[in-house]
């Protein structure tokens, strides 16, 4: 137990029901924990307890003075009897709570007499200043590696740094180890903020008060069922992992956190990541995932190895948490991260999908580019993404298309497909050159994708084209040049044949020439919610970028 030196209350439960049990020793009558205090604190505490007793006595005397002497005598006897009975009842309840409770209901660890641990047991390595981040947004930090040599688990161990410029004291900053419990023999990196706008030439490090977890128990090591370390661009590293809780476990897990550390080929720390599981509680048989961004500071040094550890607690019947201590919980890996294009947007579930859940990108085809002209007569291209699978739905297909003029890279185009691309469906894509006059070839980098079986989750809609009308238009560029173009006005409607409300619908309308090639398209995204059996009309004007159109077809997305 610790005593709050400001309020003189129990630091474990906040109760003021303290009782002296020995020289400078006090016990909390609420949670039963015990602590030793210094002489000055003991004197203050005794004075407070005496004042409480005196105040209670004065209030009782004033109340009883209004009564007759006989009533006063009887009331005194009654009060004394009640106090005696209350004391006996309290002692009995304490004895029952500690010894009469069934084993299954007892806390894993009883109240610790003194949880404080000598600070000398937390060893600090040589500090070094690092730049966290990239470019102009990089921030200076002080990196310190702390090692637990106390032989006991440490809860939220803290380090204070006092910064100086020569002999001038600047500021002091504090930081805790980025994991709830640092177990014996473990090391962990700590990043401490440097003084802002000031130059620190030296620093003094101090380990703050150490203590063990209030409740703890030995338990199994928790590891990721599936884990991936991925990199998108310089220094942009993230770790995603999935945790599966055994069905035969009788415990509910809570407070699941992970610490990830990256190393270069010399074994120096060059990155730190910390995060929590998406689920606040994990029951037996359940799964959850984690997605952590890594703060890198190795000045672009490649990752040669990395490790992670998972900390967690179990929930007792009353809601109390018990920190789980696991031997050898640090899991190490050798190798660099998987590299993906920085422009790809990859979700946690996309990266963690099992082989049986993945969509094969070989089943997706990007059709040959169709050249065309924009409204201001600049070169543009169109293509279509086609799902060639016979029975699998591609979930949120996406890719980065690299454009080339000969062997020269002209730039990239991000392809963000619909939420669900069904077998045989086509999704139109615009590909505009940046500096080149032409695009002779492309290279496609697909993101990891998941698949779904038919019929899928998309709500069926009926899209009807009611009329088309060829028209022309013009546009004025820079108030000096006017360009004419061909367009097609398309009118149609979207009907909901289902029993639920379609809250969001999106339709794409494509123009095709006599050979079936794309000659123009446009998205319709401002449709209202559509009730069961209802229809919503739409009207869209589509610029004809290539040959004259002959037919019109549509595709759609829908969510309830």
Protein backbone atom coordinates (compact mmCIF):
# COMPACT_ATOMS: atom_id res chain seq x y z
CA UNK A 1 0.00 0.00 0.00
CA UNK A 2 1.03 3.61 -0.55
CA UNK A 3 -0.42 6.63 1.25
CA UNK A 4 -1.30 9.77 -0.69
CA UNK A 5 0.85 12.37 1.10
CA UNK A 6 -1.58 15.15 0.18
CA UNK A 7 -4.87 13.60 1.28
CA UNK A 8 -3.44 11.00 3.73
CA UNK A 9 -5.63 8.31 2.15
CA UNK A 10 -4.87 4.79 0.96
CA UNK A 11 -3.13 4.95 -2.42
CA UNK A 12 -4.61 1.60 -3.48
CA UNK A 13 -8.34 2.07 -2.87
CA UNK A 14 -8.66 5.72 -1.80
CA UNK A 15 -10.17 4.90 1.59
CA UNK A 16 -9.47 7.06 4.65
CA UNK A 17 -10.13 4.14 7.02
CA UNK A 18 -6.51 3.84 8.20
CA UNK A 19 -5.42 2.25 11.47
CA UNK A 20 -2.05 2.26 13.17
CA UNK A 21 -0.74 -1.29 13.62
CA UNK A 22 2.83 -0.62 14.72
CA UNK A 23 5.68 1.87 14.76
CA UNK A 24 5.15 4.03 11.63
CA UNK A 25 3.02 1.20 10.21
CA UNK A 26 -0.59 1.61 9.07
CA UNK A 27 -3.21 -0.73 7.64
CA UNK A 28 -6.16 0.11 5.39
CA UNK A 29 -9.34 -1.28 6.94
CA UNK A 30 -10.98 -1.21 3.49
CA UNK A 31 -8.60 -3.22 1.28
CA UNK A 32 -6.32 -4.67 3.97
CA UNK A 33 -3.04 -3.41 2.48
CA UNK A 34 -0.20 -2.28 4.79
CA UNK A 35 2.52 0.32 4.43
CA UNK A 36 5.42 1.88 6.36
CA UNK A 37 5.79 5.66 6.41
CA UNK A 38 8.46 8.11 7.48
CA UNK A 39 8.37 9.78 10.89
CA UNK A 40 7.02 13.12 9.66
CA UNK A 41 4.20 11.42 7.72
CA UNK A 42 3.39 9.27 10.74
CA UNK A 43 3.14 12.34 12.96
CA UNK A 44 0.83 14.08 10.50
CA UNK A 45 -1.32 10.99 10.19
CA UNK A 46 -1.64 10.59 13.98
CA UNK A 47 -2.67 14.21 14.34
CA UNK A 48 -5.33 13.83 11.67
CA UNK A 49 -6.69 10.64 13.23
CA UNK A 50 -6.78 12.29 16.65
CA UNK A 51 -8.56 15.32 15.23
CA UNK A 52 -11.15 13.07 13.64
CA UNK A 53 -11.69 11.32 16.96
CA UNK A 54 -11.91 14.63 18.89
CA UNK A 55 -14.37 16.11 16.41
CA UNK A 56 -16.58 13.04 16.62
CA UNK A 57 -16.49 13.18 20.43
CA UNK A 58 -17.44 16.84 20.54
CA UNK A 59 -20.39 16.33 18.20
CA UNK A 60 -21.60 13.41 20.29
CA UNK A 61 -21.27 15.40 23.55
CA UNK A 62 -23.25 18.32 22.17
CA UNK A 63 -26.04 16.06 21.01
CA UNK A 64 -26.27 14.19 24.29
CA UNK A 65 -26.18 17.32 26.51
CA UNK A 66 -29.73 18.16 25.41
CA UNK A 67 -31.11 15.00 26.95
CA UNK A 68 -31.75 14.08 30.54
CA UNK A 69 -29.04 12.44 32.58
CA UNK A 70 -30.86 9.12 32.66
CA UNK A 71 -31.38 9.14 28.90
CA UNK A 72 -27.74 10.16 28.48
CA UNK A 73 -26.60 7.20 30.58
CA UNK A 74 -28.81 4.75 28.66
CA UNK A 75 -27.78 6.21 25.31
CA UNK A 76 -24.12 5.87 26.26
CA UNK A 77 -24.65 2.24 27.11
CA UNK A 78 -26.51 1.66 23.84
CA UNK A 79 -23.85 3.41 21.77
CA UNK A 80 -21.10 1.41 23.43
CA UNK A 81 -23.00 -1.81 22.77
CA UNK A 82 -23.58 -0.92 19.12
CA UNK A 83 -19.93 -0.03 18.61
CA UNK A 84 -18.89 -3.32 20.13
CA UNK A 85 -21.30 -5.27 17.92
CA UNK A 86 -20.19 -3.32 14.84
CA UNK A 87 -16.53 -4.04 15.57
CA UNK A 88 -17.27 -7.72 16.05
CA UNK A 89 -19.30 -7.82 12.83
CA UNK A 90 -16.55 -6.04 10.89
CA UNK A 91 -13.86 -8.38 12.18
CA UNK A 92 -16.05 -11.36 11.36
CA UNK A 93 -16.65 -10.12 7.82
CA UNK A 94 -12.94 -9.55 7.28
CA UNK A 95 -12.13 -13.02 8.55
CA UNK A 96 -14.81 -14.52 6.33
CA UNK A 97 -13.68 -12.51 3.30
CA UNK A 98 -10.07 -13.66 3.66
CA UNK A 99 -10.43 -17.22 4.89
CA UNK A 100 -14.00 -18.29 4.32
CA UNK A 101 -14.19 -17.34 0.66
CA UNK A 102 -14.21 -20.29 -1.77
CA UNK A 103 -10.93 -20.72 -3.65
CA UNK A 104 -12.53 -19.87 -7.00
CA UNK A 105 -13.57 -16.45 -5.72
CA UNK A 106 -10.29 -15.48 -4.07
CA UNK A 107 -8.04 -12.94 -5.82
CA UNK A 108 -5.14 -14.42 -7.68
CA UNK A 109 -2.71 -12.44 -5.51
CA UNK A 110 -3.40 -11.17 -2.02
CA UNK A 111 -2.68 -7.59 -1.04
CA UNK A 112 1.05 -6.94 -1.04
CA UNK A 113 2.55 -5.50 2.11
CA UNK A 114 4.96 -3.24 0.24
CA UNK A 115 5.06 -3.09 -3.54
CA UNK A 116 7.89 -0.59 -3.80
CA UNK A 117 11.09 -1.80 -5.45
CA UNK A 118 14.60 -0.24 -5.29
CA UNK A 119 15.13 2.00 -8.31
CA UNK A 120 18.70 0.76 -8.80
CA UNK A 121 17.31 -2.40 -10.36
CA UNK A 122 16.15 -0.60 -13.51
CA UNK A 123 19.32 -0.22 -15.59
CA UNK A 124 19.45 2.54 -18.19
CA UNK A 125 21.58 2.31 -21.31
CA UNK A 126 23.54 5.12 -22.89
CA UNK A 127 21.05 7.75 -24.14
CA UNK A 128 21.20 9.10 -27.68
CA UNK A 129 19.28 11.77 -29.54
CA UNK A 130 17.26 10.63 -32.55
CA UNK A 131 14.95 12.20 -35.14
CA UNK A 132 11.55 10.52 -35.16
CA UNK A 133 9.76 10.81 -38.49
CA UNK A 134 10.79 11.98 -41.93
CA UNK A 135 11.55 15.27 -43.61
CA UNK A 136 10.44 18.54 -42.11
CA UNK A 137 8.01 16.85 -39.73
CA UNK A 138 10.79 14.91 -37.92
CA UNK A 139 10.99 15.61 -34.19
CA UNK A 140 13.98 15.27 -31.88
CA UNK A 141 13.70 12.71 -29.07
CA UNK A 142 16.01 11.17 -26.48
CA UNK A 143 16.20 7.38 -26.81
CA UNK A 144 16.96 5.35 -23.69
CA UNK A 145 16.84 1.56 -23.35
CA UNK A 146 15.76 0.39 -19.89
CA UNK A 147 16.46 -3.11 -18.58
CA UNK A 148 14.67 -4.69 -15.63
CA UNK A 149 17.26 -6.33 -13.35
CA UNK A 150 15.17 -6.15 -10.17
CA UNK A 151 14.02 -9.76 -10.41
CA UNK A 152 10.42 -8.53 -10.09
CA UNK A 153 7.83 -7.32 -12.61
CA UNK A 154 7.60 -3.54 -12.87
CA UNK A 155 4.33 -1.71 -13.48
CA UNK A 156 4.55 1.40 -15.68
CA UNK A 157 8.19 2.09 -14.83
CA UNK A 158 9.00 5.77 -15.32
CA UNK A 159 12.15 7.73 -16.24
CA UNK A 160 12.75 11.44 -15.66
CA UNK A 161 15.26 13.41 -17.71
CA UNK A 162 16.60 16.76 -16.53
CA UNK A 163 18.10 18.72 -19.45
CA UNK A 164 20.91 21.28 -19.21
CA UNK A 165 22.64 23.72 -21.50
CA UNK A 166 26.05 23.70 -19.88
CA UNK A 167 25.32 24.46 -16.23
CA UNK A 168 21.94 26.06 -16.98
CA UNK A 169 18.99 23.87 -16.12
CA UNK A 170 16.46 23.94 -18.97
CA UNK A 171 13.52 21.59 -18.44
CA UNK A 172 12.66 18.18 -17.13
CA UNK A 173 10.56 15.59 -18.94
CA UNK A 174 9.20 12.24 -17.82
CA UNK A 175 8.15 9.17 -19.76
CA UNK A 176 7.05 5.65 -18.89
CA UNK A 177 8.14 2.38 -20.46
CA UNK A 178 5.73 1.75 -23.39
CA UNK A 179 4.33 -1.51 -21.99
CA UNK A 180 2.15 -1.99 -18.93
CA UNK A 181 4.42 -4.51 -17.16
CA UNK A 182 8.16 -4.84 -17.79
CA UNK A 183 9.04 -8.36 -16.73
CA UNK A 184 12.33 -9.46 -15.12
CA UNK A 185 15.19 -9.59 -17.61
CA UNK A 186 13.29 -7.65 -20.29
CA UNK A 187 14.52 -4.49 -22.00
CA UNK A 188 12.36 -1.80 -23.57
CA UNK A 189 13.17 1.42 -25.46
CA UNK A 190 11.80 4.73 -24.18
CA UNK A 191 11.47 7.95 -26.20
CA UNK A 192 11.61 11.17 -24.15
CA UNK A 193 10.71 14.58 -25.54
CA UNK A 194 13.57 17.06 -25.78
CA UNK A 195 13.13 20.71 -24.71
CA UNK A 196 11.32 22.60 -27.45
CA UNK A 197 13.17 25.53 -28.99
CA UNK A 198 16.24 24.97 -26.79
CA UNK A 199 19.52 23.15 -27.26
CA UNK A 200 20.36 20.62 -24.56
CA UNK A 201 24.04 19.78 -24.26
CA UNK A 202 23.60 17.15 -21.55
CA UNK A 203 20.98 15.44 -19.43
CA UNK A 204 20.65 13.62 -16.14
CA UNK A 205 18.42 10.54 -16.00
CA UNK A 206 16.56 9.45 -12.89
CA UNK A 207 14.48 6.31 -12.42
CA UNK A 208 11.20 7.19 -10.76
CA UNK A 209 9.54 5.18 -8.02
CA UNK A 210 9.17 1.51 -9.00
CA UNK A 211 6.42 -0.83 -7.94
CA UNK A 212 5.06 -4.25 -8.81
CA UNK A 213 1.54 -4.83 -10.19
CA UNK A 214 -1.18 -4.68 -7.55
CA UNK A 215 -2.60 -8.03 -8.78
CA UNK A 216 -0.66 -10.47 -10.92
CA UNK A 217 -0.45 -14.15 -11.76
CA UNK A 218 1.60 -16.46 -13.96
CA UNK A 219 -0.01 -17.30 -17.27
CA UNK A 220 0.65 -18.48 -20.84
CA UNK A 221 2.43 -16.35 -23.42
CA UNK A 222 0.15 -14.62 -25.89
CA UNK A 223 1.30 -14.54 -29.53
CA UNK A 224 -0.17 -13.42 -32.84
CA UNK A 225 -1.93 -16.14 -34.79
CA UNK A 226 -1.00 -14.24 -37.95
CA UNK A 227 1.32 -11.23 -38.16
CA UNK A 228 2.79 -9.06 -40.94
CA UNK A 229 5.33 -6.25 -40.86
CA UNK A 230 4.76 -4.04 -43.91
CA UNK A 231 6.41 -0.89 -45.25
CA UNK A 232 4.93 1.75 -47.54
CA UNK A 233 7.50 4.41 -48.32
CA UNK A 234 10.57 5.53 -46.38
CA UNK A 235 10.04 5.02 -42.66
CA UNK A 236 6.34 4.20 -43.01
CA UNK A 237 6.26 0.82 -41.26
CA UNK A 238 3.27 -0.82 -39.61
CA UNK A 239 2.64 -4.13 -37.92
CA UNK A 240 -0.71 -5.91 -38.15
CA UNK A 241 -1.53 -9.02 -36.20
CA UNK A 242 -4.45 -11.24 -35.26
CA UNK A 243 -4.94 -12.78 -31.82
CA UNK A 244 -7.10 -15.86 -31.28
CA UNK A 245 -8.19 -16.74 -27.73
CA UNK A 246 -8.41 -20.48 -27.04
CA UNK A 247 -11.94 -21.86 -26.71
CA UNK A 248 -11.05 -24.05 -23.75
CA UNK A 249 -9.76 -21.11 -21.73
CA UNK A 250 -12.01 -20.12 -18.87
CA UNK A 251 -10.70 -16.56 -18.64
CA UNK A 252 -11.73 -13.35 -20.39
CA UNK A 253 -8.76 -11.27 -21.53
CA UNK A 254 -8.62 -7.48 -21.24
CA UNK A 255 -6.16 -4.65 -21.75
CA UNK A 256 -4.35 -6.44 -24.58
CA UNK A 257 -1.38 -4.34 -25.74
CA UNK A 258 1.74 -4.94 -27.80
CA UNK A 259 5.19 -3.38 -28.06
CA UNK A 260 7.13 -3.69 -31.34
CA UNK A 261 10.83 -2.87 -31.72
CA UNK A 262 12.81 -2.62 -34.96
CA UNK A 263 16.60 -3.13 -35.25
CA UNK A 264 19.23 -2.42 -37.91
CA UNK A 265 21.95 -4.88 -38.91
CA UNK A 266 24.12 -3.64 -35.98
CA UNK A 267 21.40 -4.45 -33.46
CA UNK A 268 20.56 -0.82 -32.69
CA UNK A 269 16.97 0.20 -32.08
CA UNK A 270 15.60 2.13 -35.08
CA UNK A 271 11.84 1.97 -34.50
CA UNK A 272 9.20 1.62 -31.78
CA UNK A 273 5.50 0.83 -32.02
CA UNK A 274 2.84 0.38 -29.37
CA UNK A 275 -0.87 -0.27 -29.66
CA UNK A 276 -3.95 -1.93 -28.23
CA UNK A 277 -6.26 -4.64 -29.54
CA UNK A 278 -9.44 -3.53 -31.27
CA UNK A 279 -11.52 -5.53 -28.77
CA UNK A 280 -11.47 -4.19 -25.20
CA UNK A 281 -12.33 -7.66 -23.90
CA UNK A 282 -11.65 -11.04 -25.51
CA UNK A 283 -13.80 -13.98 -24.48
CA UNK A 284 -12.79 -17.64 -25.00
CA UNK A 285 -12.98 -18.61 -28.67
CA UNK A 286 -13.02 -14.99 -29.91
CA UNK A 287 -10.53 -13.20 -32.17
CA UNK A 288 -9.29 -9.64 -32.41
CA UNK A 289 -6.66 -7.74 -34.38
CA UNK A 290 -4.06 -5.02 -33.86
CA UNK A 291 -2.73 -2.42 -36.29
CA UNK A 292 0.25 -0.35 -35.12
CA UNK A 293 2.23 2.38 -36.83
CA UNK A 294 5.95 2.24 -36.05
CA UNK A 295 7.84 5.42 -35.16
CA UNK A 296 11.09 5.11 -37.12
CA UNK A 297 14.28 7.04 -36.37
CA UNK A 298 17.12 5.20 -38.08
CA UNK A 299 17.75 7.86 -40.78
CA UNK A 300 16.54 5.45 -43.44
CA UNK A 301 18.52 2.46 -42.16
CA UNK A 302 16.95 -0.79 -43.41
CA UNK A 303 15.22 -3.06 -40.91
CA UNK A 304 17.23 -6.23 -40.31
CA UNK A 305 15.28 -7.73 -37.38
CA UNK A 306 12.31 -7.00 -35.17
CA UNK A 307 10.50 -8.36 -32.14
CA UNK A 308 7.22 -7.96 -30.34
CA UNK A 309 5.68 -8.81 -26.98
CA UNK A 310 2.04 -8.87 -25.91
CA UNK A 311 0.86 -7.86 -22.46
CA UNK A 312 -2.60 -8.62 -21.14
CA UNK A 313 -4.74 -9.11 -18.06
CA UNK A 314 -7.55 -11.44 -17.06
CA UNK A 315 -10.88 -10.27 -15.73
CA UNK A 316 -12.13 -11.49 -12.36
CA UNK A 317 -15.80 -11.96 -11.58
CA UNK A 318 -16.06 -8.56 -9.92
CA UNK A 319 -14.39 -6.77 -12.83
CA UNK A 320 -10.92 -6.48 -11.27
CA UNK A 321 -7.96 -7.03 -13.61
CA UNK A 322 -5.06 -9.38 -12.92
CA UNK A 323 -1.85 -8.73 -14.87
CA UNK A 324 -0.57 -11.93 -16.49
CA UNK A 325 3.17 -12.63 -16.24
CA UNK A 326 4.54 -14.83 -19.03
CA UNK A 327 8.03 -16.23 -19.33
CA UNK A 328 9.94 -15.58 -22.59
CA UNK A 329 7.10 -13.58 -24.11
CA UNK A 330 9.38 -11.58 -26.48
CA UNK A 331 9.03 -13.10 -29.95
CA UNK A 332 11.85 -12.30 -32.38
CA UNK A 333 12.00 -12.34 -36.17
CA UNK A 334 14.78 -11.75 -38.69
CA UNK A 335 14.23 -10.01 -42.00
CA UNK A 336 12.93 -6.83 -43.60
CA UNK A 337 9.28 -5.76 -43.85
CA UNK A 338 7.12 -6.58 -46.85
CA UNK A 339 7.18 -3.59 -49.20
CA UNK A 340 4.02 -2.19 -50.82
CA UNK A 341 3.36 0.88 -52.93
CA UNK A 342 2.79 3.92 -50.68
CA UNK A 343 -0.36 4.86 -52.60
CA UNK A 344 -2.17 1.62 -51.79
CA UNK A 345 -4.75 1.85 -49.01
CA UNK A 346 -4.68 -1.51 -47.24
CA UNK A 347 -7.00 -2.34 -44.39
CA UNK A 348 -6.16 -4.55 -41.43
CA UNK A 349 -8.45 -7.34 -42.60
CA UNK A 350 -6.99 -7.21 -46.12
CA UNK A 351 -3.50 -7.85 -44.78
CA UNK A 352 -4.54 -10.54 -42.29
CA UNK A 353 -6.78 -12.57 -44.60
CA UNK A 354 -5.96 -16.28 -44.71
CA UNK A 355 -5.14 -17.99 -47.98
CA UNK A 356 -8.70 -19.35 -48.13
CA UNK A 357 -10.07 -15.79 -47.76
CA UNK A 358 -7.95 -14.08 -50.41
CA UNK A 359 -9.01 -13.13 -53.91
CA UNK A 360 -6.55 -14.18 -56.58
CA UNK A 361 -5.44 -11.05 -58.52
CA UNK A 362 -4.89 -13.27 -61.54
CA UNK A 363 -8.71 -13.34 -61.79
CA UNK A 364 -8.76 -9.57 -62.35
CA UNK A 365 -8.07 -8.12 -65.79
CA UNK A 366 -7.33 -4.54 -66.75
CA UNK A 367 -8.46 -4.17 -70.36
CA UNK A 368 -6.35 -2.51 -73.04
CA UNK A 369 -6.26 1.28 -72.90
CA UNK A 370 -8.73 3.07 -75.16
CA UNK A 371 -7.32 6.42 -76.36
CA UNK A 372 -9.58 9.46 -76.32
CA UNK A 373 -9.69 13.24 -76.03
CA UNK A 374 -10.85 15.36 -73.11
CA UNK A 375 -13.16 18.36 -73.42
CA UNK A 376 -10.12 20.60 -74.07
CA UNK A 377 -8.73 18.18 -76.67
CA UNK A 378 -5.98 16.73 -74.50
CA UNK A 379 -4.97 13.10 -74.71
CA UNK A 380 -6.65 10.77 -72.23
CA UNK A 381 -7.20 7.04 -71.89
CA UNK A 382 -9.93 4.77 -70.57
CA UNK A 383 -9.84 1.20 -69.37
CA UNK A 384 -12.02 -1.24 -67.44
CA UNK A 385 -11.41 -3.55 -64.49
CA UNK A 386 -13.05 -6.92 -65.11
CA UNK A 387 -13.68 -9.76 -62.64
CA UNK A 388 -12.99 -12.95 -64.62
CA UNK A 389 -13.83 -15.27 -61.74
CA UNK A 390 -16.89 -17.46 -62.22
CA UNK A 391 -18.05 -17.68 -58.62
CA UNK A 392 -15.99 -15.30 -56.43
CA UNK A 393 -16.67 -11.68 -55.54
CA UNK A 394 -13.66 -9.35 -55.25
CA UNK A 395 -13.96 -7.20 -52.11
CA UNK A 396 -12.81 -3.60 -52.62
CA UNK A 397 -10.30 -4.27 -55.43
CA UNK A 398 -7.62 -1.61 -55.73
CA UNK A 399 -4.31 -1.10 -57.47
CA UNK A 400 -1.69 1.43 -58.49
CA UNK A 401 -1.23 1.73 -62.26
CA UNK A 402 2.22 2.94 -63.33
CA UNK A 403 2.13 4.73 -66.70
CA UNK A 404 5.03 4.57 -69.18
CA UNK A 405 5.87 6.37 -72.39
CA UNK A 406 8.29 3.84 -73.78
CA UNK A 407 10.64 3.11 -70.90
CA UNK A 408 10.06 6.47 -69.21
CA UNK A 409 7.77 6.55 -66.17
CA UNK A 410 5.06 9.20 -66.56
CA UNK A 411 3.46 8.77 -63.13
CA UNK A 412 0.84 6.64 -61.42
CA UNK A 413 -2.93 6.34 -61.32
CA UNK A 414 -4.71 4.97 -58.27
CA UNK A 415 -7.47 2.51 -59.11
CA UNK A 416 -10.06 2.42 -56.29
CA UNK A 417 -12.67 -0.13 -57.26
CA UNK A 418 -16.18 -0.62 -55.88
CA UNK A 419 -16.89 -2.26 -52.53
CA UNK A 420 -17.87 -5.49 -54.35
CA UNK A 421 -16.97 -6.45 -57.92
CA UNK A 422 -19.13 -9.40 -58.95
CA UNK A 423 -18.13 -12.07 -61.53
CA UNK A 424 -18.26 -10.67 -65.05
CA UNK A 425 -18.76 -7.07 -63.96
CA UNK A 426 -16.77 -4.20 -65.45
CA UNK A 427 -15.67 -1.08 -63.59
CA UNK A 428 -14.52 1.90 -65.76
CA UNK A 429 -11.26 3.72 -64.96
CA UNK A 430 -9.84 6.99 -66.32
CA UNK A 431 -6.08 7.10 -66.95
CA UNK A 432 -4.68 10.55 -67.76
CA UNK A 433 -1.07 11.17 -68.80
CA UNK A 434 0.87 13.66 -66.71
CA UNK A 435 3.69 14.95 -68.88
CA UNK A 436 3.85 12.44 -71.73
CA UNK A 437 1.87 12.74 -74.95
CA UNK A 438 1.07 9.06 -74.93
CA UNK A 439 0.97 5.94 -72.77
CA UNK A 440 2.53 2.89 -74.38
CA UNK A 441 2.43 0.46 -71.47
CA UNK A 442 1.31 0.09 -67.87
CA UNK A 443 2.34 -1.91 -64.82
CA UNK A 444 -0.23 -2.83 -62.15
CA UNK A 445 0.45 -3.37 -58.41
CA UNK A 446 -2.56 -4.95 -56.73
CA UNK A 447 -3.31 -4.59 -53.06
CA UNK A 448 -4.02 -7.74 -50.99
CA UNK A 449 -7.72 -8.45 -51.51
CA UNK A 450 -10.35 -10.59 -49.88
CA UNK A 451 -13.06 -12.57 -51.59
CA UNK A 452 -16.66 -13.50 -50.89
CA UNK A 453 -18.91 -16.23 -52.18
CA UNK A 454 -22.10 -15.59 -54.10
CA UNK A 455 -24.65 -14.10 -53.52
CA UNK A 456 -22.61 -11.72 -51.36
CA UNK A 457 -23.78 -8.82 -49.24
CA UNK A 458 -24.79 -6.37 -51.97
CA UNK A 459 -28.49 -5.50 -52.02
CA UNK A 460 -29.93 -6.22 -55.52
CA UNK A 461 -31.08 -3.20 -57.53
CA UNK A 462 -32.72 -2.88 -60.92
CA UNK A 463 -31.14 -0.16 -63.10
CA UNK A 464 -33.17 0.84 -66.17
CA UNK A 465 -32.08 3.17 -69.00
CA UNK A 466 -35.16 5.06 -70.19
CA UNK A 467 -33.75 7.39 -72.85
CA UNK A 468 -30.53 8.61 -74.48
CA UNK A 469 -29.93 11.75 -76.51
CA UNK A 470 -26.80 12.73 -78.41
CA UNK A 471 -25.85 16.35 -77.94
CA UNK A 472 -22.93 18.74 -78.21
CA UNK A 473 -21.35 21.24 -75.88
CA UNK A 474 -18.43 23.60 -75.61
CA UNK A 475 -16.03 24.85 -72.97
CA UNK A 476 -14.04 28.11 -72.78
CA UNK A 477 -10.42 27.77 -71.66
CA UNK A 478 -8.66 30.78 -70.09
CA UNK A 479 -11.27 33.11 -71.61
CA UNK A 480 -9.54 32.72 -74.97
CA UNK A 481 -10.04 29.25 -76.47
CA UNK A 482 -13.34 27.49 -76.97
CA UNK A 483 -13.48 23.72 -77.49
CA UNK A 484 -16.47 21.76 -78.75
CA UNK A 485 -17.24 18.20 -77.67
CA UNK A 486 -19.86 15.50 -78.09
CA UNK A 487 -21.95 14.23 -75.18
CA UNK A 488 -24.84 11.89 -74.43
CA UNK A 489 -27.69 12.75 -72.07
CA UNK A 490 -28.87 9.60 -70.31
CA UNK A 491 -32.05 9.28 -68.25
CA UNK A 492 -32.87 6.26 -66.14
CA UNK A 493 -34.09 4.97 -62.79
CA UNK A 494 -32.96 2.70 -59.99
CA UNK A 495 -35.55 0.41 -58.40
CA UNK A 496 -35.28 -1.43 -55.08
CA UNK A 497 -37.04 -4.83 -55.42
CA UNK A 498 -36.02 -5.95 -51.92
CA UNK A 499 -37.66 -5.68 -48.50
CA UNK A 500 -35.08 -3.36 -46.90
CA UNK A 501 -34.20 0.30 -47.37
CA UNK A 502 -31.16 0.97 -49.57
CA UNK A 503 -29.56 3.93 -47.81
CA UNK A 504 -26.70 4.47 -50.24
CA UNK A 505 -26.59 3.57 -53.92
CA UNK A 506 -24.03 4.40 -56.58
CA UNK A 507 -24.45 3.80 -60.32
CA UNK A 508 -21.90 4.04 -63.11
CA UNK A 509 -23.12 4.53 -66.67
CA UNK A 510 -20.84 3.51 -69.57
CA UNK A 511 -21.05 4.40 -73.26
CA UNK A 512 -19.82 1.83 -75.79
CA UNK A 513 -19.13 1.97 -79.51
CA UNK A 514 -20.27 -0.63 -82.04
CA UNK A 515 -17.33 -2.88 -81.13
CA UNK A 516 -18.21 -2.78 -77.43
CA UNK A 517 -15.24 -0.64 -76.46
CA UNK A 518 -15.57 2.08 -73.85
CA UNK A 519 -16.08 5.57 -75.24
CA UNK A 520 -17.14 7.45 -72.11
CA UNK A 521 -18.53 6.95 -68.59
CA UNK A 522 -19.74 8.78 -65.50
CA UNK A 523 -20.62 8.00 -61.89
CA UNK A 524 -24.00 8.85 -60.36
CA UNK A 525 -23.45 9.28 -56.62
CA UNK A 526 -26.20 11.67 -55.47
CA UNK A 527 -29.01 9.12 -55.36
CA UNK A 528 -31.39 9.32 -52.37
CA UNK A 529 -32.29 6.45 -50.06
CA UNK A 530 -34.62 4.02 -51.82
CA UNK A 531 -37.39 2.23 -49.91
CA UNK A 532 -38.73 -1.26 -50.69
CA UNK A 533 -40.49 -1.28 -54.06
CA UNK A 534 -39.57 2.37 -54.73
CA UNK A 535 -37.59 3.89 -57.59
CA UNK A 536 -35.24 6.85 -57.83
CA UNK A 537 -34.72 8.64 -61.16
CA UNK A 538 -31.37 9.91 -62.39
CA UNK A 539 -30.13 12.01 -65.27
CA UNK A 540 -26.51 12.36 -66.34
CA UNK A 541 -24.61 13.95 -69.23
CA UNK A 542 -21.59 11.91 -70.35
CA UNK A 543 -18.83 13.32 -72.54
CA UNK A 544 -18.01 11.14 -75.52
CA UNK A 545 -14.23 10.83 -75.43
CA UNK A 546 -13.66 8.36 -78.27
CA UNK A 547 -15.82 6.92 -81.04
CA UNK A 548 -19.57 7.55 -81.35
CA UNK A 549 -21.58 5.56 -78.85
CA UNK A 550 -23.90 2.74 -79.88
CA UNK A 551 -25.01 1.21 -76.57
CA UNK A 552 -25.24 2.06 -72.87
CA UNK A 553 -24.70 -0.27 -69.93
CA UNK A 554 -24.62 0.20 -66.17
CA UNK A 555 -23.23 -1.13 -62.92
CA UNK A 556 -24.11 -0.34 -59.32
CA UNK A 557 -23.21 -0.55 -55.66
CA UNK A 558 -25.68 -0.60 -52.77
CA UNK A 559 -25.70 -0.74 -48.98
CA UNK A 560 -28.60 -0.97 -46.54
